Amino acid sequence: MAKDITVSWAIWADGEKRYQAFKKNKKIEPNYVTIEGNQVQLKDWKDSQNRVIKFKKDNDNKNPLTVRLTIPSISGTEIGTSDIITPPNYNKGVETKGYYYCSCGEKGYKYGRWKVTFVNRCAHADDTSHKNKSSKLKWSEKKDVAPLEGQWTCEGCDADYCAVTGKEKLLKSSKRLIKVSEVKMP
């Protein structure tokens, strides 16, 4: 299920600017656009783009005052604080304050530590093969790499996700966790 939010033109336009910059720099479209800490999935972002274009066409190229966006929710309910997950504060005895290094090698996250929160729901939760399995995620430390890396693992299907990007750790997979927020540590 999903939930609609309404944002000001300035907030939407900022998201559109970031969407276009990503598309230009990476030569691909992003999987989502983050607006006020919410991930607007690509298909929902494109829907908002089409509605803005239609509004401008119908109103002498004027910008709308607000734009409605669709964001994910969990099992038909709004996302609450109990549905949000962050890595633990201690990892292999080193205090990290929940900041971790990227363990999947995605561009833009190579250097530096990040504090990221995700919705506690496996990216495969809507797949038919996942129907009767748990979609909750559990924290697991990576034992073969630096101690400040870790990953989220689905309790139901054992899919592994990077603690920073939320990307599934299979080479050809495009599945990602729903990111709520991210902060780069100074």
N, C-alpha and C. Protein backbone atom coordinates (compact mmCIF):
# COMPACT_ATOMS: atom_id res chain seq x y z
N MET A 1 0.85 -1.18 0.00
CA MET A 1 0.00 0.00 0.00
C MET A 1 0.89 1.24 0.00
N ALA A 2 0.26 2.36 -0.30
CA ALA A 2 1.02 3.60 -0.40
C ALA A 2 0.25 4.73 0.28
N LYS A 3 0.93 5.82 0.47
CA LYS A 3 0.35 6.98 1.13
C LYS A 3 0.68 8.21 0.28
N ASP A 4 -0.24 9.14 0.19
CA ASP A 4 0.00 10.37 -0.55
C ASP A 4 0.42 11.48 0.40
N ILE A 5 1.39 12.29 -0.04
CA ILE A 5 1.78 13.49 0.69
C ILE A 5 1.73 14.65 -0.29
N THR A 6 1.57 15.85 0.21
CA THR A 6 1.57 17.03 -0.64
C THR A 6 2.73 17.91 -0.22
N VAL A 7 3.53 18.33 -1.22
CA VAL A 7 4.69 19.17 -0.95
C VAL A 7 4.59 20.46 -1.76
N SER A 8 5.32 21.46 -1.32
CA SER A 8 5.31 22.74 -2.03
C SER A 8 6.03 22.61 -3.37
N TRP A 9 5.76 23.56 -4.26
CA TRP A 9 6.43 23.57 -5.55
C TRP A 9 7.95 23.61 -5.38
N ALA A 10 8.45 24.41 -4.44
CA ALA A 10 9.90 24.53 -4.25
C ALA A 10 10.53 23.19 -3.87
N ILE A 11 9.87 22.44 -3.01
CA ILE A 11 10.40 21.13 -2.59
C ILE A 11 10.38 20.16 -3.76
N TRP A 12 9.27 20.14 -4.52
CA TRP A 12 9.18 19.25 -5.68
C TRP A 12 10.24 19.63 -6.72
N ALA A 13 10.39 20.93 -7.00
CA ALA A 13 11.35 21.39 -8.00
C ALA A 13 12.78 21.03 -7.61
N ASP A 14 13.10 21.08 -6.31
CA ASP A 14 14.41 20.66 -5.84
C ASP A 14 14.62 19.17 -6.12
N GLY A 15 13.61 18.36 -5.86
CA GLY A 15 13.69 16.93 -6.16
C GLY A 15 13.88 16.68 -7.65
N GLU A 16 13.18 17.45 -8.48
CA GLU A 16 13.30 17.31 -9.93
C GLU A 16 14.72 17.68 -10.39
N LYS A 17 15.28 18.72 -9.79
CA LYS A 17 16.64 19.14 -10.12
C LYS A 17 17.63 18.02 -9.79
N ARG A 18 17.47 17.40 -8.62
CA ARG A 18 18.36 16.30 -8.23
C ARG A 18 18.16 15.07 -9.12
N TYR A 19 16.89 14.79 -9.49
CA TYR A 19 16.57 13.69 -10.40
C TYR A 19 17.29 13.89 -11.74
N GLN A 20 17.18 15.09 -12.31
CA GLN A 20 17.78 15.38 -13.61
C GLN A 20 19.31 15.33 -13.53
N ALA A 21 19.90 15.82 -12.44
CA ALA A 21 21.36 15.78 -12.27
C ALA A 21 21.86 14.34 -12.20
N PHE A 22 21.15 13.49 -11.45
CA PHE A 22 21.52 12.08 -11.34
C PHE A 22 21.45 11.43 -12.72
N LYS A 23 20.36 11.67 -13.42
CA LYS A 23 20.15 11.09 -14.75
C LYS A 23 21.25 11.53 -15.72
N LYS A 24 21.63 12.79 -15.66
CA LYS A 24 22.67 13.32 -16.54
C LYS A 24 24.05 12.73 -16.19
N ASN A 25 24.38 12.69 -14.90
CA ASN A 25 25.70 12.22 -14.47
C ASN A 25 25.89 10.72 -14.61
N LYS A 26 24.87 9.95 -14.27
CA LYS A 26 25.00 8.49 -14.26
C LYS A 26 24.53 7.83 -15.55
N LYS A 27 23.84 8.59 -16.39
CA LYS A 27 23.28 8.08 -17.66
C LYS A 27 22.20 7.02 -17.44
N ILE A 28 21.64 6.99 -16.25
CA ILE A 28 20.49 6.13 -15.94
C ILE A 28 19.56 6.90 -15.01
N GLU A 29 18.34 6.43 -14.89
CA GLU A 29 17.40 7.06 -13.97
C GLU A 29 17.60 6.50 -12.56
N PRO A 30 17.40 7.33 -11.53
CA PRO A 30 17.52 6.81 -10.16
C PRO A 30 16.35 5.88 -9.85
N ASN A 31 16.53 5.01 -8.86
CA ASN A 31 15.44 4.13 -8.43
C ASN A 31 14.38 4.90 -7.65
N TYR A 32 14.78 6.03 -7.05
CA TYR A 32 13.86 6.82 -6.23
C TYR A 32 14.39 8.24 -6.11
N VAL A 33 13.52 9.15 -5.66
CA VAL A 33 13.90 10.52 -5.35
C VAL A 33 13.50 10.75 -3.90
N THR A 34 14.43 11.24 -3.08
CA THR A 34 14.14 11.48 -1.67
C THR A 34 13.55 12.87 -1.50
N ILE A 35 12.35 12.92 -0.94
CA ILE A 35 11.65 14.18 -0.67
C ILE A 35 11.25 14.18 0.80
N GLU A 36 11.74 15.15 1.55
CA GLU A 36 11.45 15.29 2.97
C GLU A 36 11.63 13.96 3.72
N GLY A 37 12.73 13.26 3.44
CA GLY A 37 13.03 12.00 4.12
C GLY A 37 12.25 10.81 3.61
N ASN A 38 11.43 10.98 2.58
CA ASN A 38 10.64 9.89 2.01
C ASN A 38 11.17 9.51 0.64
N GLN A 39 11.21 8.22 0.35
CA GLN A 39 11.62 7.76 -0.96
C GLN A 39 10.41 7.71 -1.87
N VAL A 40 10.42 8.51 -2.91
CA VAL A 40 9.38 8.44 -3.94
C VAL A 40 9.96 7.55 -5.04
N GLN A 41 9.35 6.38 -5.23
CA GLN A 41 9.85 5.42 -6.21
C GLN A 41 9.75 6.00 -7.62
N LEU A 42 10.58 5.52 -8.53
CA LEU A 42 10.71 6.08 -9.88
C LEU A 42 9.37 6.18 -10.59
N LYS A 43 8.55 5.14 -10.56
CA LYS A 43 7.26 5.20 -11.28
C LYS A 43 6.36 6.28 -10.71
N ASP A 44 6.39 6.48 -9.40
CA ASP A 44 5.58 7.52 -8.78
C ASP A 44 6.14 8.91 -9.08
N TRP A 45 7.48 9.02 -9.18
CA TRP A 45 8.08 10.31 -9.53
C TRP A 45 7.70 10.68 -10.96
N LYS A 46 7.75 9.71 -11.87
CA LYS A 46 7.38 9.98 -13.27
C LYS A 46 5.91 10.39 -13.37
N ASP A 47 5.07 9.79 -12.54
CA ASP A 47 3.66 10.19 -12.52
C ASP A 47 3.53 11.65 -12.10
N SER A 48 4.30 12.06 -11.09
CA SER A 48 4.24 13.46 -10.65
C SER A 48 4.77 14.39 -11.75
N GLN A 49 5.80 13.97 -12.47
CA GLN A 49 6.32 14.77 -13.58
C GLN A 49 5.24 14.98 -14.65
N ASN A 50 4.53 13.90 -14.99
CA ASN A 50 3.47 14.00 -16.01
C ASN A 50 2.35 14.93 -15.56
N ARG A 51 2.00 14.86 -14.27
CA ARG A 51 0.94 15.75 -13.76
C ARG A 51 1.39 17.21 -13.76
N VAL A 52 2.65 17.46 -13.44
CA VAL A 52 3.18 18.83 -13.47
C VAL A 52 3.17 19.36 -14.90
N ILE A 53 3.62 18.55 -15.85
CA ILE A 53 3.63 18.96 -17.27
C ILE A 53 2.21 19.30 -17.72
N LYS A 54 1.25 18.45 -17.37
CA LYS A 54 -0.14 18.70 -17.76
C LYS A 54 -0.67 19.99 -17.12
N PHE A 55 -0.37 20.20 -15.84
CA PHE A 55 -0.81 21.41 -15.15
C PHE A 55 -0.25 22.65 -15.85
N LYS A 56 1.05 22.62 -16.15
CA LYS A 56 1.68 23.77 -16.79
C LYS A 56 1.09 24.03 -18.18
N LYS A 57 0.80 22.96 -18.89
CA LYS A 57 0.20 23.09 -20.23
C LYS A 57 -1.19 23.72 -20.14
N ASP A 58 -1.96 23.31 -19.14
CA ASP A 58 -3.33 23.80 -18.97
C ASP A 58 -3.39 25.18 -18.33
N ASN A 59 -2.29 25.68 -17.77
CA ASN A 59 -2.30 26.94 -17.01
C ASN A 59 -1.22 27.93 -17.47
N ASP A 60 -1.08 28.09 -18.76
CA ASP A 60 -0.16 29.08 -19.33
C ASP A 60 1.26 28.98 -18.78
N ASN A 61 1.75 27.75 -18.63
CA ASN A 61 3.11 27.48 -18.18
C ASN A 61 3.39 27.94 -16.74
N LYS A 62 2.35 28.11 -15.94
CA LYS A 62 2.54 28.46 -14.52
C LYS A 62 2.83 27.19 -13.73
N ASN A 63 3.63 27.36 -12.68
CA ASN A 63 3.94 26.23 -11.81
C ASN A 63 2.80 26.02 -10.82
N PRO A 64 2.51 24.77 -10.47
CA PRO A 64 1.51 24.55 -9.42
C PRO A 64 2.05 25.01 -8.07
N LEU A 65 1.16 25.30 -7.14
CA LEU A 65 1.59 25.70 -5.79
C LEU A 65 2.09 24.49 -5.00
N THR A 66 1.43 23.35 -5.22
CA THR A 66 1.79 22.11 -4.52
C THR A 66 1.77 20.94 -5.50
N VAL A 67 2.43 19.86 -5.11
CA VAL A 67 2.44 18.63 -5.90
C VAL A 67 2.19 17.46 -4.96
N ARG A 68 1.29 16.57 -5.36
CA ARG A 68 0.99 15.37 -4.58
C ARG A 68 1.96 14.28 -4.99
N LEU A 69 2.54 13.59 -4.01
CA LEU A 69 3.47 12.50 -4.25
C LEU A 69 3.01 11.25 -3.52
N THR A 70 3.36 10.10 -4.06
CA THR A 70 3.02 8.83 -3.43
C THR A 70 4.28 8.25 -2.81
N ILE A 71 4.19 7.91 -1.53
CA ILE A 71 5.32 7.29 -0.83
C ILE A 71 4.87 5.93 -0.30
N PRO A 72 5.81 5.01 -0.11
CA PRO A 72 5.43 3.68 0.37
C PRO A 72 4.99 3.68 1.83
N SER A 73 4.15 2.75 2.16
CA SER A 73 3.82 2.48 3.56
C SER A 73 3.92 0.97 3.72
N ILE A 74 3.78 0.50 4.93
CA ILE A 74 3.95 -0.92 5.20
C ILE A 74 2.60 -1.57 5.46
N SER A 75 2.30 -2.62 4.71
CA SER A 75 1.08 -3.39 4.90
C SER A 75 -0.15 -2.51 5.06
N GLY A 76 -0.25 -1.48 4.26
CA GLY A 76 -1.42 -0.62 4.28
C GLY A 76 -1.47 0.37 5.42
N THR A 77 -0.42 0.44 6.21
CA THR A 77 -0.40 1.40 7.32
C THR A 77 0.70 2.41 7.08
N GLU A 78 0.62 3.53 7.75
CA GLU A 78 1.67 4.52 7.62
C GLU A 78 2.93 4.01 8.30
N ILE A 79 4.05 4.49 7.81
CA ILE A 79 5.33 4.10 8.40
C ILE A 79 5.49 4.80 9.75
N GLY A 80 5.70 4.04 10.79
CA GLY A 80 5.89 4.60 12.12
C GLY A 80 7.32 4.39 12.58
N THR A 81 7.67 4.95 13.71
CA THR A 81 9.05 4.83 14.18
C THR A 81 9.45 3.39 14.48
N SER A 82 8.50 2.54 14.82
CA SER A 82 8.85 1.14 15.10
C SER A 82 9.17 0.37 13.82
N ASP A 83 8.83 0.94 12.66
CA ASP A 83 9.11 0.29 11.39
C ASP A 83 10.44 0.73 10.80
N ILE A 84 11.15 1.62 11.48
CA ILE A 84 12.40 2.17 10.99
C ILE A 84 13.56 1.46 11.68
N ILE A 85 14.60 1.13 10.91
CA ILE A 85 15.75 0.43 11.48
C ILE A 85 17.04 1.18 11.19
N THR A 86 17.95 1.14 12.13
CA THR A 86 19.30 1.69 11.97
C THR A 86 20.27 0.67 12.52
N PRO A 87 21.51 0.68 12.04
CA PRO A 87 22.49 -0.26 12.58
C PRO A 87 22.72 -0.03 14.07
N PRO A 88 23.18 -1.05 14.79
CA PRO A 88 23.44 -0.89 16.23
C PRO A 88 24.60 0.06 16.48
N ASN A 89 24.71 0.51 17.72
CA ASN A 89 25.75 1.46 18.08
C ASN A 89 27.12 0.81 18.28
N TYR A 90 27.16 -0.48 18.48
CA TYR A 90 28.44 -1.15 18.67
C TYR A 90 28.59 -2.23 17.63
N ASN A 91 29.75 -2.31 17.03
CA ASN A 91 30.02 -3.32 16.02
C ASN A 91 31.42 -3.85 16.28
N LYS A 92 31.53 -5.09 16.67
CA LYS A 92 32.81 -5.73 16.99
C LYS A 92 33.58 -4.95 18.04
N GLY A 93 32.86 -4.40 19.02
CA GLY A 93 33.51 -3.72 20.11
C GLY A 93 33.94 -2.29 19.83
N VAL A 94 33.68 -1.80 18.62
CA VAL A 94 34.08 -0.43 18.26
C VAL A 94 32.83 0.45 18.29
N GLU A 95 32.89 1.52 19.09
CA GLU A 95 31.74 2.41 19.13
C GLU A 95 31.67 3.19 17.83
N THR A 96 30.52 3.13 17.14
CA THR A 96 30.41 3.78 15.84
C THR A 96 29.29 4.80 15.80
N LYS A 97 28.47 4.87 16.82
CA LYS A 97 27.32 5.75 16.86
C LYS A 97 26.40 5.53 15.66
N GLY A 98 26.36 4.28 15.17
CA GLY A 98 25.46 3.93 14.07
C GLY A 98 25.95 4.35 12.70
N TYR A 99 27.19 4.79 12.58
CA TYR A 99 27.73 5.17 11.29
C TYR A 99 28.54 4.01 10.71
N TYR A 100 28.34 3.73 9.43
CA TYR A 100 29.01 2.59 8.81
C TYR A 100 29.54 2.95 7.43
N TYR A 101 30.45 2.13 6.95
CA TYR A 101 30.99 2.26 5.60
C TYR A 101 30.15 1.43 4.65
N CYS A 102 30.10 1.85 3.40
CA CYS A 102 29.40 1.10 2.36
C CYS A 102 30.12 -0.23 2.13
N SER A 103 29.36 -1.31 2.02
CA SER A 103 29.97 -2.62 1.81
C SER A 103 29.62 -3.21 0.45
N CYS A 104 28.95 -2.42 -0.42
CA CYS A 104 28.60 -2.95 -1.74
C CYS A 104 29.37 -2.29 -2.86
N GLY A 105 30.13 -1.23 -2.55
CA GLY A 105 30.97 -0.59 -3.55
C GLY A 105 30.26 0.36 -4.49
N GLU A 106 29.05 0.80 -4.16
CA GLU A 106 28.31 1.70 -5.05
C GLU A 106 28.99 3.06 -5.11
N LYS A 107 29.02 3.64 -6.30
CA LYS A 107 29.66 4.95 -6.49
C LYS A 107 28.98 5.99 -5.62
N GLY A 108 29.78 6.93 -5.12
CA GLY A 108 29.26 7.99 -4.29
C GLY A 108 29.32 7.68 -2.80
N TYR A 109 29.54 6.41 -2.46
CA TYR A 109 29.59 6.01 -1.06
C TYR A 109 30.95 5.39 -0.72
N LYS A 110 31.90 5.44 -1.63
CA LYS A 110 33.17 4.75 -1.45
C LYS A 110 33.92 5.23 -0.22
N TYR A 111 34.03 6.54 -0.06
CA TYR A 111 34.79 7.07 1.06
C TYR A 111 33.86 7.69 2.08
N GLY A 112 34.15 7.50 3.33
CA GLY A 112 33.39 8.13 4.39
C GLY A 112 32.41 7.20 5.06
N ARG A 113 31.92 7.66 6.21
CA ARG A 113 30.96 6.89 7.00
C ARG A 113 29.59 7.54 6.88
N TRP A 114 28.57 6.72 6.97
CA TRP A 114 27.19 7.17 6.77
C TRP A 114 26.30 6.63 7.87
N LYS A 115 25.31 7.41 8.27
CA LYS A 115 24.25 6.94 9.17
C LYS A 115 22.98 6.92 8.34
N VAL A 116 22.41 5.73 8.19
CA VAL A 116 21.27 5.56 7.30
C VAL A 116 20.16 4.82 8.05
N THR A 117 18.92 5.21 7.80
CA THR A 117 17.78 4.48 8.34
C THR A 117 16.94 3.95 7.19
N PHE A 118 16.39 2.77 7.38
CA PHE A 118 15.57 2.11 6.37
C PHE A 118 14.24 1.67 6.98
N VAL A 119 13.28 1.41 6.11
CA VAL A 119 12.04 0.77 6.53
C VAL A 119 12.36 -0.71 6.74
N ASN A 120 11.89 -1.28 7.84
CA ASN A 120 12.20 -2.66 8.20
C ASN A 120 11.32 -3.62 7.38
N ARG A 121 11.67 -3.75 6.10
CA ARG A 121 10.89 -4.60 5.19
C ARG A 121 11.78 -5.01 4.03
N CYS A 122 11.88 -6.30 3.79
CA CYS A 122 12.69 -6.83 2.70
C CYS A 122 12.18 -6.31 1.36
N ALA A 123 13.10 -6.03 0.45
CA ALA A 123 12.73 -5.54 -0.89
C ALA A 123 12.00 -6.61 -1.70
N HIS A 124 12.11 -7.87 -1.29
CA HIS A 124 11.43 -8.96 -1.99
C HIS A 124 10.07 -9.29 -1.37
N ALA A 125 9.63 -8.52 -0.39
CA ALA A 125 8.42 -8.84 0.36
C ALA A 125 7.18 -9.00 -0.52
N ASP A 126 7.11 -8.29 -1.63
CA ASP A 126 5.94 -8.38 -2.51
C ASP A 126 6.07 -9.46 -3.57
N ASP A 127 7.22 -10.14 -3.64
CA ASP A 127 7.40 -11.22 -4.61
C ASP A 127 6.55 -12.42 -4.22
N THR A 128 6.05 -13.14 -5.22
CA THR A 128 5.22 -14.33 -4.96
C THR A 128 5.97 -15.37 -4.14
N SER A 129 7.25 -15.53 -4.41
CA SER A 129 8.05 -16.53 -3.70
C SER A 129 8.26 -16.18 -2.23
N HIS A 130 7.94 -14.96 -1.85
CA HIS A 130 8.16 -14.48 -0.48
C HIS A 130 6.86 -14.48 0.32
N LYS A 131 5.79 -14.96 -0.28
CA LYS A 131 4.43 -14.83 0.26
C LYS A 131 4.28 -15.23 1.72
N ASN A 132 4.75 -16.39 2.11
CA ASN A 132 4.55 -16.88 3.48
C ASN A 132 5.80 -16.76 4.35
N LYS A 133 6.71 -15.88 3.96
CA LYS A 133 7.96 -15.71 4.70
C LYS A 133 7.97 -14.37 5.43
N SER A 134 8.77 -14.29 6.47
CA SER A 134 8.94 -13.03 7.19
C SER A 134 9.68 -12.04 6.29
N SER A 135 9.28 -10.77 6.37
CA SER A 135 9.98 -9.74 5.58
C SER A 135 10.79 -8.82 6.49
N LYS A 136 10.92 -9.19 7.75
CA LYS A 136 11.69 -8.38 8.71
C LYS A 136 13.18 -8.55 8.44
N LEU A 137 13.92 -7.49 8.75
CA LEU A 137 15.36 -7.49 8.54
C LEU A 137 16.09 -7.61 9.88
N LYS A 138 17.23 -8.27 9.86
CA LYS A 138 18.05 -8.37 11.07
C LYS A 138 19.45 -7.88 10.71
N TRP A 139 20.13 -7.31 11.69
CA TRP A 139 21.48 -6.80 11.49
C TRP A 139 22.46 -7.94 11.54
N SER A 140 23.40 -7.99 10.60
CA SER A 140 24.46 -8.99 10.67
C SER A 140 25.78 -8.32 10.32
N GLU A 141 26.76 -8.57 11.14
CA GLU A 141 28.08 -7.99 10.92
C GLU A 141 28.78 -8.80 9.84
N LYS A 142 29.54 -8.11 9.02
CA LYS A 142 30.35 -8.80 8.03
C LYS A 142 31.62 -9.25 8.71
N LYS A 143 31.92 -10.51 8.66
CA LYS A 143 33.06 -11.06 9.38
C LYS A 143 34.35 -11.04 8.56
N ASP A 144 34.25 -10.90 7.25
CA ASP A 144 35.44 -11.01 6.41
C ASP A 144 35.97 -9.65 5.95
N VAL A 145 35.43 -8.56 6.46
CA VAL A 145 35.89 -7.24 6.03
C VAL A 145 36.11 -6.34 7.24
N ALA A 146 36.33 -5.06 6.96
CA ALA A 146 36.57 -4.09 8.04
C ALA A 146 35.44 -4.14 9.07
N PRO A 147 35.75 -3.90 10.33
CA PRO A 147 34.74 -4.02 11.38
C PRO A 147 33.62 -3.00 11.33
N LEU A 148 33.77 -1.93 10.56
CA LEU A 148 32.71 -0.93 10.51
C LEU A 148 31.77 -1.15 9.34
N GLU A 149 31.82 -2.30 8.71
CA GLU A 149 30.86 -2.64 7.67
C GLU A 149 29.89 -3.65 8.25
N GLY A 150 28.71 -3.63 7.75
CA GLY A 150 27.70 -4.58 8.16
C GLY A 150 26.64 -4.65 7.08
N GLN A 151 25.60 -5.44 7.34
CA GLN A 151 24.55 -5.58 6.35
C GLN A 151 23.25 -5.97 7.02
N TRP A 152 22.15 -5.69 6.33
CA TRP A 152 20.84 -6.14 6.75
C TRP A 152 20.54 -7.44 6.02
N THR A 153 19.97 -8.40 6.73
CA THR A 153 19.62 -9.69 6.14
C THR A 153 18.16 -9.98 6.42
N CYS A 154 17.43 -10.40 5.39
CA CYS A 154 16.01 -10.74 5.55
C CYS A 154 15.88 -12.04 6.32
N GLU A 155 15.02 -12.06 7.32
CA GLU A 155 14.79 -13.28 8.11
C GLU A 155 14.12 -14.37 7.28
N GLY A 156 13.34 -13.97 6.27
CA GLY A 156 12.59 -14.94 5.48
C GLY A 156 13.33 -15.55 4.31
N CYS A 157 14.10 -14.73 3.58
CA CYS A 157 14.73 -15.24 2.36
C CYS A 157 16.26 -15.14 2.37
N ASP A 158 16.84 -14.60 3.43
CA ASP A 158 18.29 -14.46 3.58
C ASP A 158 18.94 -13.51 2.57
N ALA A 159 18.16 -12.63 1.95
CA ALA A 159 18.74 -11.62 1.06
C ALA A 159 19.57 -10.66 1.91
N ASP A 160 20.74 -10.28 1.41
CA ASP A 160 21.64 -9.37 2.12
C ASP A 160 21.61 -8.00 1.45
N TYR A 161 21.59 -6.94 2.28
CA TYR A 161 21.54 -5.57 1.79
C TYR A 161 22.64 -4.74 2.45
N CYS A 162 23.26 -3.86 1.67
CA CYS A 162 24.30 -2.97 2.18
C CYS A 162 23.71 -2.08 3.27
N ALA A 163 24.47 -1.86 4.34
CA ALA A 163 24.01 -1.04 5.47
C ALA A 163 23.93 0.44 5.12
N VAL A 164 24.54 0.86 4.02
CA VAL A 164 24.55 2.26 3.65
C VAL A 164 23.61 2.55 2.48
N THR A 165 23.72 1.77 1.40
CA THR A 165 22.91 2.05 0.21
C THR A 165 21.57 1.33 0.24
N GLY A 166 21.49 0.22 0.96
CA GLY A 166 20.28 -0.59 0.96
C GLY A 166 20.16 -1.48 -0.25
N LYS A 167 21.22 -1.53 -1.08
CA LYS A 167 21.21 -2.33 -2.30
C LYS A 167 21.42 -3.79 -1.97
N GLU A 168 20.64 -4.65 -2.64
CA GLU A 168 20.84 -6.09 -2.46
C GLU A 168 22.21 -6.47 -3.00
N LYS A 169 22.88 -7.37 -2.30
CA LYS A 169 24.25 -7.72 -2.64
C LYS A 169 24.34 -8.87 -3.64
N LEU A 170 23.54 -8.80 -4.67
CA LEU A 170 23.67 -9.71 -5.81
C LEU A 170 24.02 -8.84 -7.00
N LEU A 171 24.98 -9.25 -7.79
CA LEU A 171 25.53 -8.41 -8.84
C LEU A 171 24.47 -7.81 -9.76
N LYS A 172 23.53 -8.58 -10.24
CA LYS A 172 22.56 -8.08 -11.22
C LYS A 172 21.25 -7.63 -10.60
N SER A 173 21.15 -7.64 -9.30
CA SER A 173 19.89 -7.26 -8.64
C SER A 173 19.73 -5.74 -8.60
N SER A 174 18.50 -5.29 -8.82
CA SER A 174 18.20 -3.86 -8.70
C SER A 174 17.34 -3.60 -7.45
N LYS A 175 17.15 -4.62 -6.64
CA LYS A 175 16.33 -4.49 -5.43
C LYS A 175 17.05 -3.65 -4.39
N ARG A 176 16.27 -2.78 -3.71
CA ARG A 176 16.81 -1.91 -2.66
C ARG A 176 15.80 -1.80 -1.54
N LEU A 177 16.34 -1.60 -0.34
CA LEU A 177 15.48 -1.29 0.80
C LEU A 177 14.96 0.13 0.63
N ILE A 178 13.87 0.43 1.30
CA ILE A 178 13.32 1.78 1.26
C ILE A 178 14.08 2.62 2.28
N LYS A 179 14.80 3.62 1.77
CA LYS A 179 15.63 4.48 2.62
C LYS A 179 14.77 5.61 3.17
N VAL A 180 14.89 5.84 4.47
CA VAL A 180 14.16 6.91 5.12
C VAL A 180 15.04 8.16 5.23
N SER A 181 16.30 7.98 5.60
CA SER A 181 17.21 9.12 5.70
C SER A 181 18.64 8.63 5.62
N GLU A 182 19.53 9.57 5.28
CA GLU A 182 20.96 9.28 5.30
C GLU A 182 21.71 10.55 5.65
N VAL A 183 22.78 10.37 6.43
CA VAL A 183 23.60 11.50 6.84
C VAL A 183 25.05 11.07 6.71
N LYS A 184 25.86 11.87 6.01
CA LYS A 184 27.28 11.57 5.91
C LYS A 184 27.98 12.14 7.14
N MET A 185 28.79 11.32 7.76
CA MET A 185 29.52 11.77 8.95
C MET A 185 30.63 12.71 8.53
N PRO A 186 30.77 13.85 9.20
CA PRO A 186 31.81 14.82 8.83
C PRO A 186 33.21 14.28 9.03
